[in-house]
């Protein structure tokens, strides 16, 4: 277990533990994120998801991270599936 003062929300659900452990995606979680990022990057459903592509600062490789588009009071926000402490 990590020394984070915050409890990982994925640890509450057996299904979510298949995808995330200790605030990090598992091998299955990385694969699902990659597929969802690819689908979202091509504009395929669901429309509330998008792919955020960033270049790695050390490797220079492009990474595609799926995010959810949340609408609150008419404003759109990108929400990370891994929470506020993720890179």
N, C-alpha and C. Protein backbone atom coordinates (compact mmCIF):
# COMPACT_ATOMS: atom_id res chain seq x y z
N UNK A 1 0.84 -1.18 0.00
CA UNK A 1 0.00 0.00 0.00
C UNK A 1 0.88 1.24 0.00
N UNK A 2 0.43 2.30 -0.60
CA UNK A 2 1.25 3.51 -0.63
C UNK A 2 1.03 4.34 0.64
N UNK A 3 1.82 5.37 0.80
CA UNK A 3 1.75 6.21 2.00
C UNK A 3 0.85 7.43 1.80
N UNK A 4 0.00 7.42 0.79
CA UNK A 4 -0.89 8.54 0.52
C UNK A 4 -1.91 8.69 1.65
N UNK A 5 -2.18 9.93 2.08
CA UNK A 5 -3.18 10.13 3.11
C UNK A 5 -4.60 9.90 2.59
N UNK A 6 -4.77 9.86 1.27
CA UNK A 6 -6.09 9.69 0.67
C UNK A 6 -6.31 8.22 0.33
N UNK A 7 -7.53 7.77 0.50
CA UNK A 7 -7.90 6.39 0.20
C UNK A 7 -8.23 6.30 -1.29
N UNK A 8 -7.69 5.30 -1.96
CA UNK A 8 -7.96 5.09 -3.38
C UNK A 8 -9.41 4.67 -3.55
N UNK A 9 -10.23 5.45 -4.29
CA UNK A 9 -11.64 5.09 -4.46
C UNK A 9 -11.82 3.76 -5.17
N UNK A 10 -10.86 3.37 -6.01
CA UNK A 10 -10.97 2.10 -6.73
C UNK A 10 -10.88 0.91 -5.79
N UNK A 11 -10.28 1.08 -4.62
CA UNK A 11 -10.14 -0.03 -3.68
C UNK A 11 -11.46 -0.44 -3.04
N UNK A 12 -12.50 0.36 -3.20
CA UNK A 12 -13.80 0.03 -2.61
C UNK A 12 -14.59 -0.99 -3.43
N UNK A 13 -14.22 -1.16 -4.69
CA UNK A 13 -14.99 -2.01 -5.59
C UNK A 13 -14.10 -3.11 -6.16
N UNK A 14 -14.59 -4.34 -6.13
CA UNK A 14 -13.82 -5.46 -6.68
C UNK A 14 -13.62 -5.30 -8.17
N UNK A 15 -14.61 -4.78 -8.87
CA UNK A 15 -14.49 -4.58 -10.32
C UNK A 15 -13.44 -3.51 -10.61
N UNK A 16 -13.45 -2.41 -9.89
CA UNK A 16 -12.49 -1.34 -10.13
C UNK A 16 -11.07 -1.79 -9.79
N UNK A 17 -10.91 -2.71 -8.84
CA UNK A 17 -9.57 -3.22 -8.51
C UNK A 17 -8.95 -3.98 -9.68
N UNK A 18 -9.78 -4.47 -10.61
CA UNK A 18 -9.24 -5.09 -11.81
C UNK A 18 -8.51 -4.07 -12.68
N UNK A 19 -8.95 -2.81 -12.61
CA UNK A 19 -8.41 -1.76 -13.48
C UNK A 19 -7.40 -0.85 -12.78
N UNK A 20 -7.55 -0.63 -11.48
CA UNK A 20 -6.68 0.31 -10.76
C UNK A 20 -6.30 -0.25 -9.39
N UNK A 21 -5.01 -0.08 -9.03
CA UNK A 21 -4.52 -0.45 -7.70
C UNK A 21 -3.51 0.59 -7.27
N UNK A 22 -3.59 1.02 -6.04
CA UNK A 22 -2.64 2.01 -5.49
C UNK A 22 -2.51 3.23 -6.38
N UNK A 23 -3.64 3.74 -6.85
CA UNK A 23 -3.71 4.97 -7.65
C UNK A 23 -3.09 4.81 -9.03
N UNK A 24 -2.82 3.60 -9.49
CA UNK A 24 -2.22 3.38 -10.79
C UNK A 24 -3.01 2.32 -11.55
N UNK A 25 -3.08 2.44 -12.88
CA UNK A 25 -3.80 1.42 -13.65
C UNK A 25 -3.02 0.10 -13.68
N UNK A 26 -3.76 -0.99 -13.65
CA UNK A 26 -3.16 -2.32 -13.79
C UNK A 26 -2.88 -2.55 -15.27
N UNK A 27 -2.34 -3.70 -15.61
CA UNK A 27 -2.09 -4.02 -17.02
C UNK A 27 -3.40 -3.99 -17.81
N UNK A 28 -4.47 -4.57 -17.24
CA UNK A 28 -5.78 -4.54 -17.90
C UNK A 28 -6.28 -3.10 -18.00
N UNK A 29 -6.10 -2.32 -16.95
CA UNK A 29 -6.52 -0.92 -16.97
C UNK A 29 -5.81 -0.11 -18.04
N UNK A 30 -4.50 -0.34 -18.23
CA UNK A 30 -3.75 0.36 -19.27
C UNK A 30 -4.26 -0.02 -20.65
N UNK A 31 -4.56 -1.30 -20.84
CA UNK A 31 -5.07 -1.75 -22.13
C UNK A 31 -6.43 -1.12 -22.44
N UNK A 32 -7.34 -1.13 -21.45
CA UNK A 32 -8.67 -0.53 -21.64
C UNK A 32 -8.53 0.98 -21.89
N UNK A 33 -7.64 1.66 -21.15
CA UNK A 33 -7.42 3.08 -21.38
C UNK A 33 -6.92 3.34 -22.80
N UNK A 34 -6.02 2.49 -23.27
CA UNK A 34 -5.47 2.66 -24.62
C UNK A 34 -6.57 2.50 -25.67
N UNK A 35 -7.42 1.48 -25.51
CA UNK A 35 -8.51 1.25 -26.47
C UNK A 35 -9.51 2.40 -26.40
N UNK A 36 -9.89 2.82 -25.19
CA UNK A 36 -10.84 3.93 -25.05
C UNK A 36 -10.26 5.22 -25.61
N UNK A 37 -8.97 5.46 -25.38
CA UNK A 37 -8.32 6.65 -25.94
C UNK A 37 -8.33 6.63 -27.46
N UNK A 38 -8.08 5.46 -28.05
CA UNK A 38 -8.09 5.33 -29.51
C UNK A 38 -9.49 5.59 -30.06
N UNK A 39 -10.51 4.97 -29.42
CA UNK A 39 -11.90 5.17 -29.87
C UNK A 39 -12.33 6.63 -29.72
N UNK A 40 -12.01 7.23 -28.58
CA UNK A 40 -12.40 8.62 -28.32
C UNK A 40 -11.68 9.58 -29.26
N UNK A 41 -10.43 9.28 -29.58
CA UNK A 41 -9.67 10.13 -30.48
C UNK A 41 -10.23 10.14 -31.89
N UNK A 42 -10.97 9.13 -32.25
CA UNK A 42 -11.59 9.06 -33.56
C UNK A 42 -13.02 9.56 -33.55
N UNK A 43 -13.48 10.07 -32.41
CA UNK A 43 -14.82 10.64 -32.32
C UNK A 43 -15.92 9.62 -32.19
N UNK A 44 -15.56 8.39 -31.85
CA UNK A 44 -16.58 7.35 -31.70
C UNK A 44 -17.24 7.47 -30.33
N UNK A 45 -18.45 6.94 -30.19
CA UNK A 45 -19.17 7.06 -28.92
C UNK A 45 -18.42 6.42 -27.78
N UNK A 46 -18.68 6.76 -26.57
CA UNK A 46 -19.67 7.74 -26.12
C UNK A 46 -19.15 9.16 -26.24
N UNK A 47 -20.04 10.08 -26.47
CA UNK A 47 -19.68 11.47 -26.72
C UNK A 47 -19.25 12.22 -25.46
N UNK A 48 -19.47 11.65 -24.27
CA UNK A 48 -19.06 12.32 -23.04
C UNK A 48 -17.60 12.01 -22.71
N UNK A 49 -16.92 11.27 -23.58
CA UNK A 49 -15.51 10.96 -23.37
C UNK A 49 -14.67 11.62 -24.45
N UNK A 50 -13.41 11.86 -24.13
CA UNK A 50 -12.47 12.43 -25.09
C UNK A 50 -11.10 11.83 -24.81
N UNK A 51 -10.19 12.02 -25.74
CA UNK A 51 -8.82 11.57 -25.56
C UNK A 51 -7.92 12.79 -25.43
N UNK A 52 -7.15 12.83 -24.38
CA UNK A 52 -6.18 13.90 -24.16
C UNK A 52 -4.82 13.34 -24.54
N UNK A 53 -4.20 13.91 -25.56
CA UNK A 53 -2.90 13.42 -26.01
C UNK A 53 -1.81 14.36 -25.54
N UNK A 54 -0.82 13.79 -24.87
CA UNK A 54 0.30 14.58 -24.36
C UNK A 54 1.61 13.89 -24.74
N UNK A 55 2.65 14.68 -24.91
CA UNK A 55 3.97 14.14 -25.21
C UNK A 55 4.73 13.96 -23.91
N UNK A 56 5.31 12.79 -23.71
CA UNK A 56 6.08 12.51 -22.50
C UNK A 56 7.28 13.43 -22.40
N UNK A 57 7.52 14.00 -21.23
CA UNK A 57 8.60 14.97 -21.11
C UNK A 57 9.97 14.32 -21.14
N UNK A 58 10.08 13.05 -20.76
CA UNK A 58 11.38 12.36 -20.81
C UNK A 58 11.51 11.51 -22.08
N UNK A 59 10.47 10.73 -22.39
CA UNK A 59 10.55 9.82 -23.53
C UNK A 59 10.23 10.49 -24.85
N UNK A 60 9.39 11.52 -24.81
CA UNK A 60 8.96 12.17 -26.05
C UNK A 60 7.86 11.43 -26.76
N UNK A 61 7.43 10.28 -26.23
CA UNK A 61 6.36 9.51 -26.84
C UNK A 61 5.01 10.15 -26.56
N UNK A 62 4.11 10.06 -27.52
CA UNK A 62 2.76 10.59 -27.35
C UNK A 62 1.93 9.58 -26.57
N UNK A 63 1.26 10.06 -25.53
CA UNK A 63 0.37 9.22 -24.73
C UNK A 63 -1.05 9.72 -24.91
N UNK A 64 -1.97 8.79 -25.00
CA UNK A 64 -3.38 9.12 -25.14
C UNK A 64 -4.08 8.69 -23.86
N UNK A 65 -4.70 9.66 -23.17
CA UNK A 65 -5.34 9.39 -21.90
C UNK A 65 -6.84 9.69 -22.03
N UNK A 66 -7.70 8.72 -21.75
CA UNK A 66 -9.13 9.00 -21.82
C UNK A 66 -9.58 9.86 -20.65
N UNK A 67 -10.40 10.84 -20.94
CA UNK A 67 -10.98 11.71 -19.92
C UNK A 67 -12.47 11.80 -20.17
N UNK A 68 -13.20 12.18 -19.14
CA UNK A 68 -14.65 12.35 -19.24
C UNK A 68 -14.94 13.85 -19.33
N UNK A 69 -15.88 14.21 -20.17
CA UNK A 69 -16.30 15.61 -20.30
C UNK A 69 -17.52 15.79 -19.40
N UNK A 70 -17.35 16.55 -18.33
CA UNK A 70 -18.44 16.81 -17.38
C UNK A 70 -18.97 18.22 -17.62
N UNK A 71 -20.28 18.38 -17.54
CA UNK A 71 -20.90 19.68 -17.70
C UNK A 71 -21.52 20.09 -16.36
N UNK A 72 -21.08 21.23 -15.84
CA UNK A 72 -21.59 21.76 -14.58
C UNK A 72 -21.97 23.22 -14.81
N UNK A 73 -23.22 23.54 -14.58
CA UNK A 73 -23.73 24.91 -14.77
C UNK A 73 -23.40 25.47 -16.14
N UNK A 74 -23.49 24.62 -17.16
CA UNK A 74 -23.26 25.07 -18.53
C UNK A 74 -21.80 25.17 -18.93
N UNK A 75 -20.87 24.87 -18.04
CA UNK A 75 -19.44 24.89 -18.35
C UNK A 75 -18.94 23.46 -18.49
N UNK A 76 -18.06 23.23 -19.45
CA UNK A 76 -17.51 21.90 -19.70
C UNK A 76 -16.15 21.77 -19.01
N UNK A 77 -15.93 20.62 -18.39
CA UNK A 77 -14.68 20.33 -17.69
C UNK A 77 -14.17 18.96 -18.12
N UNK A 78 -12.84 18.83 -18.21
CA UNK A 78 -12.23 17.52 -18.44
C UNK A 78 -11.92 16.92 -17.08
N UNK A 79 -12.35 15.69 -16.87
CA UNK A 79 -12.17 15.02 -15.58
C UNK A 79 -11.33 13.77 -15.79
N UNK A 80 -10.23 13.69 -15.05
CA UNK A 80 -9.36 12.53 -15.11
C UNK A 80 -10.01 11.36 -14.38
N UNK A 81 -9.85 10.19 -14.94
CA UNK A 81 -10.40 8.99 -14.30
C UNK A 81 -9.57 8.56 -13.10
N UNK A 82 -8.34 9.07 -13.00
CA UNK A 82 -7.44 8.66 -11.92
C UNK A 82 -7.40 9.64 -10.77
N UNK A 83 -8.14 10.72 -10.82
CA UNK A 83 -8.20 11.65 -9.72
C UNK A 83 -7.20 12.79 -9.79
N UNK A 84 -7.24 13.63 -8.81
CA UNK A 84 -6.46 14.87 -8.80
C UNK A 84 -4.96 14.64 -8.63
N UNK A 85 -4.55 13.56 -8.01
CA UNK A 85 -3.14 13.32 -7.73
C UNK A 85 -2.41 12.62 -8.88
N UNK A 86 -3.10 12.30 -9.98
CA UNK A 86 -2.45 11.59 -11.07
C UNK A 86 -1.67 12.55 -11.94
N UNK A 87 -0.68 12.03 -12.65
CA UNK A 87 0.09 12.84 -13.59
C UNK A 87 -0.70 12.96 -14.85
